[in-house]
Amino acid sequence: MDTLPEDRFIEETALYFEDHGLPRMAGRVLAWLLICEPALQSMQQIGDRLMASKGSVSTTLRMLAQLGLVEKTTSSTQRRDHYRLATDFTERLLAMNLRHFIEFRKIAARGLSLLDGMSEEQRTRIQELHDLHLFLEHRFPSLVEQWHTERAGSAVRQYEGP
């Protein structure tokens, strides 16, 4: 059976987010919310499309909402909650990346303090990781600012393929 391009996108996105520390189902939900129409989806719609249990979808949506990646909306006219990507989804992803750089730089710094009196070879292995994350921590905010400037100056670009 052929896989739909939409399904491939969902699974590739799920694997990407899984590689970056989120459960695969979280990646699947985020992928669906990136491409679904309408943008607001009920838990039932998400579960049906992803062929996932209500419990799995509920747990995942709760986690993604706590991370600030998904927003829950309610309506007085509808009896169901609906979900969508957070309006500042990309900003939250960027902030998560910066926090990861900072956290690992701090861990590497603690590792360096353990190596006092050890060989240069031992120290070099962790020093490189520390220095890389320090570099990223310092340069990432200006890169994000540059991205904002470029985005503000141009319309959304049309996809031209890989």
Protein backbone atom coordinates (compact mmCIF):
# COMPACT_ATOMS: atom_id res chain seq x y z
CA MET A 1 0.00 0.00 0.00
CA ASP A 2 1.40 3.42 -0.96
CA THR A 3 1.89 5.96 1.77
CA LEU A 4 0.33 9.36 1.19
CA PRO A 5 2.77 12.31 1.08
CA GLU A 6 0.85 13.76 4.02
CA ASP A 7 1.47 10.58 6.04
CA ARG A 8 5.18 10.62 5.16
CA PHE A 9 5.41 14.23 6.31
CA ILE A 10 3.70 13.37 9.60
CA GLU A 11 6.04 10.44 10.28
CA GLU A 12 9.20 12.34 9.26
CA THR A 13 8.20 15.19 11.56
CA ALA A 14 7.42 12.73 14.35
CA LEU A 15 10.88 11.17 14.03
CA TYR A 16 12.52 14.60 14.00
CA PHE A 17 10.83 15.65 17.24
CA GLU A 18 11.50 12.23 18.76
CA ASP A 19 15.21 12.69 17.98
CA HIS A 20 14.97 16.02 19.82
CA GLY A 21 13.48 14.64 23.01
CA LEU A 22 9.73 14.64 22.51
CA PRO A 23 7.59 11.51 22.26
CA ARG A 24 6.88 10.42 18.69
CA MET A 25 3.16 11.07 19.18
CA ALA A 26 3.95 14.69 20.05
CA GLY A 27 5.73 15.04 16.72
CA ARG A 28 2.81 13.46 14.93
CA VAL A 29 0.34 15.86 16.55
CA LEU A 30 2.55 18.87 15.79
CA ALA A 31 2.93 17.72 12.17
CA TRP A 32 -0.82 17.36 11.76
CA LEU A 33 -1.46 20.77 13.30
CA LEU A 34 1.06 22.26 10.88
CA ILE A 35 -0.84 21.03 7.81
CA CYS A 36 -4.47 20.49 8.85
CA GLU A 37 -7.44 22.43 7.59
CA PRO A 38 -9.14 23.92 9.47
CA ALA A 39 -6.36 24.99 11.81
CA LEU A 40 -8.55 24.32 14.85
CA GLN A 41 -8.96 20.60 15.49
CA SER A 42 -10.87 18.69 18.14
CA MET A 43 -9.18 15.90 20.03
CA GLN A 44 -11.45 13.50 18.13
CA GLN A 45 -10.37 14.91 14.73
CA ILE A 46 -6.70 14.63 15.68
CA GLY A 47 -7.11 11.08 16.99
CA ASP A 48 -9.07 9.97 13.94
CA ARG A 49 -6.54 11.41 11.48
CA LEU A 50 -3.53 9.99 13.33
CA MET A 51 -5.31 6.71 14.16
CA ALA A 52 -4.41 7.23 17.81
CA SER A 53 -6.31 6.49 20.98
CA LYS A 54 -8.14 9.21 22.84
CA GLY A 55 -5.88 8.68 25.86
CA SER A 56 -2.71 9.03 23.81
CA VAL A 57 -3.93 12.17 22.07
CA SER A 58 -5.19 13.68 25.33
CA THR A 59 -1.89 13.08 27.12
CA THR A 60 0.08 14.43 24.18
CA LEU A 61 -2.04 17.58 23.83
CA ARG A 62 -1.73 18.27 27.54
CA MET A 63 2.07 17.96 27.35
CA LEU A 64 2.31 20.14 24.23
CA ALA A 65 0.07 22.76 25.87
CA GLN A 66 2.32 22.78 28.96
CA LEU A 67 5.32 23.33 26.67
CA GLY A 68 3.42 26.20 25.06
CA LEU A 69 3.55 24.65 21.59
CA VAL A 70 -0.20 24.05 21.34
CA GLU A 71 -3.12 26.21 22.43
CA LYS A 72 -6.47 24.92 23.62
CA THR A 73 -9.51 26.98 22.68
CA THR A 74 -13.06 26.71 23.86
CA SER A 75 -16.25 28.07 22.41
CA SER A 76 -19.58 28.72 24.04
CA THR A 77 -21.29 27.38 20.91
CA GLN A 78 -19.41 24.10 20.77
CA ARG A 79 -19.16 21.48 23.47
CA ARG A 80 -15.64 20.37 22.52
CA ASP A 81 -12.27 21.91 23.10
CA HIS A 82 -10.21 22.57 20.00
CA TYR A 83 -6.46 22.75 19.57
CA ARG A 84 -4.09 24.58 17.28
CA LEU A 85 -0.42 25.38 17.09
CA ALA A 86 0.48 28.19 19.44
CA THR A 87 0.40 31.52 17.65
CA ASP A 88 4.08 31.96 18.59
CA PHE A 89 5.02 28.35 17.80
CA THR A 90 8.27 29.20 16.00
CA GLU A 91 9.32 31.58 18.78
CA ARG A 92 8.78 28.86 21.35
CA LEU A 93 10.82 26.38 19.31
CA LEU A 94 13.64 28.92 19.07
CA ALA A 95 13.50 29.57 22.82
CA MET A 96 13.62 25.81 23.50
CA ASN A 97 16.75 25.52 21.35
CA LEU A 98 18.47 28.37 23.17
CA ARG A 99 17.61 26.77 26.54
CA HIS A 100 19.16 23.50 25.32
CA PHE A 101 22.39 25.31 24.36
CA ILE A 102 22.55 26.99 27.76
CA GLU A 103 21.73 23.82 29.70
CA PHE A 104 24.36 21.73 27.94
CA ARG A 105 27.00 24.48 28.26
CA LYS A 106 26.37 24.47 32.03
CA ILE A 107 26.65 20.68 32.16
CA ALA A 108 29.90 20.80 30.18
CA ALA A 109 31.24 23.49 32.55
CA ARG A 110 30.56 21.19 35.50
CA GLY A 111 32.34 18.42 33.61
CA LEU A 112 35.34 20.67 33.06
CA SER A 113 35.57 21.37 36.78
CA LEU A 114 35.81 17.61 37.40
CA LEU A 115 38.82 17.38 35.12
CA ASP A 116 41.17 19.65 37.08
CA GLY A 117 44.50 17.87 37.16
CA MET A 118 43.55 15.47 34.38
CA SER A 119 45.31 15.10 31.04
CA GLU A 120 44.99 17.65 28.25
CA GLU A 121 43.37 14.99 26.06
CA GLN A 122 40.62 14.42 28.64
CA ARG A 123 40.04 18.14 29.01
CA THR A 124 39.95 18.78 25.24
CA ARG A 125 37.08 16.37 24.65
CA ILE A 126 34.70 18.24 26.90
CA GLN A 127 36.19 21.70 26.33
CA GLU A 128 35.12 21.56 22.67
CA LEU A 129 31.53 20.77 23.61
CA HIS A 130 31.53 23.54 26.21
CA ASP A 131 32.97 26.07 23.77
CA LEU A 132 30.58 25.11 20.99
CA HIS A 133 27.55 25.53 23.25
CA LEU A 134 28.90 28.80 24.63
CA PHE A 135 29.34 30.03 21.04
CA LEU A 136 25.79 28.96 20.14
CA GLU A 137 24.38 30.51 23.31
CA HIS A 138 25.98 33.86 22.45
CA ARG A 139 25.33 33.86 18.70
CA PHE A 140 21.90 32.28 18.53
CA PRO A 141 19.95 35.37 19.71
CA SER A 142 21.49 37.55 16.98
CA LEU A 143 20.76 34.86 14.39
CA VAL A 144 17.13 34.81 15.53
CA GLU A 145 16.99 38.60 15.32
CA GLN A 146 18.39 38.46 11.80
CA TRP A 147 15.72 35.90 10.89
CA HIS A 148 13.00 38.21 12.27
CA THR A 149 14.36 41.11 10.24
CA GLU A 150 14.41 39.08 7.04
CA ARG A 151 10.92 37.67 7.67
CA ALA A 152 9.52 41.15 8.31
CA GLY A 153 10.93 42.36 5.01
CA SER A 154 9.48 39.64 2.82
CA ALA A 155 6.30 37.71 2.27
CA VAL A 156 6.15 33.98 2.95
CA ARG A 157 8.26 32.37 0.26
CA GLN A 158 6.81 29.76 -2.04
CA TYR A 159 8.20 26.27 -1.52
CA GLU A 160 10.54 25.31 -4.35
CA GLY A 161 11.50 21.79 -3.25
CA PRO A 162 14.57 20.34 -1.52
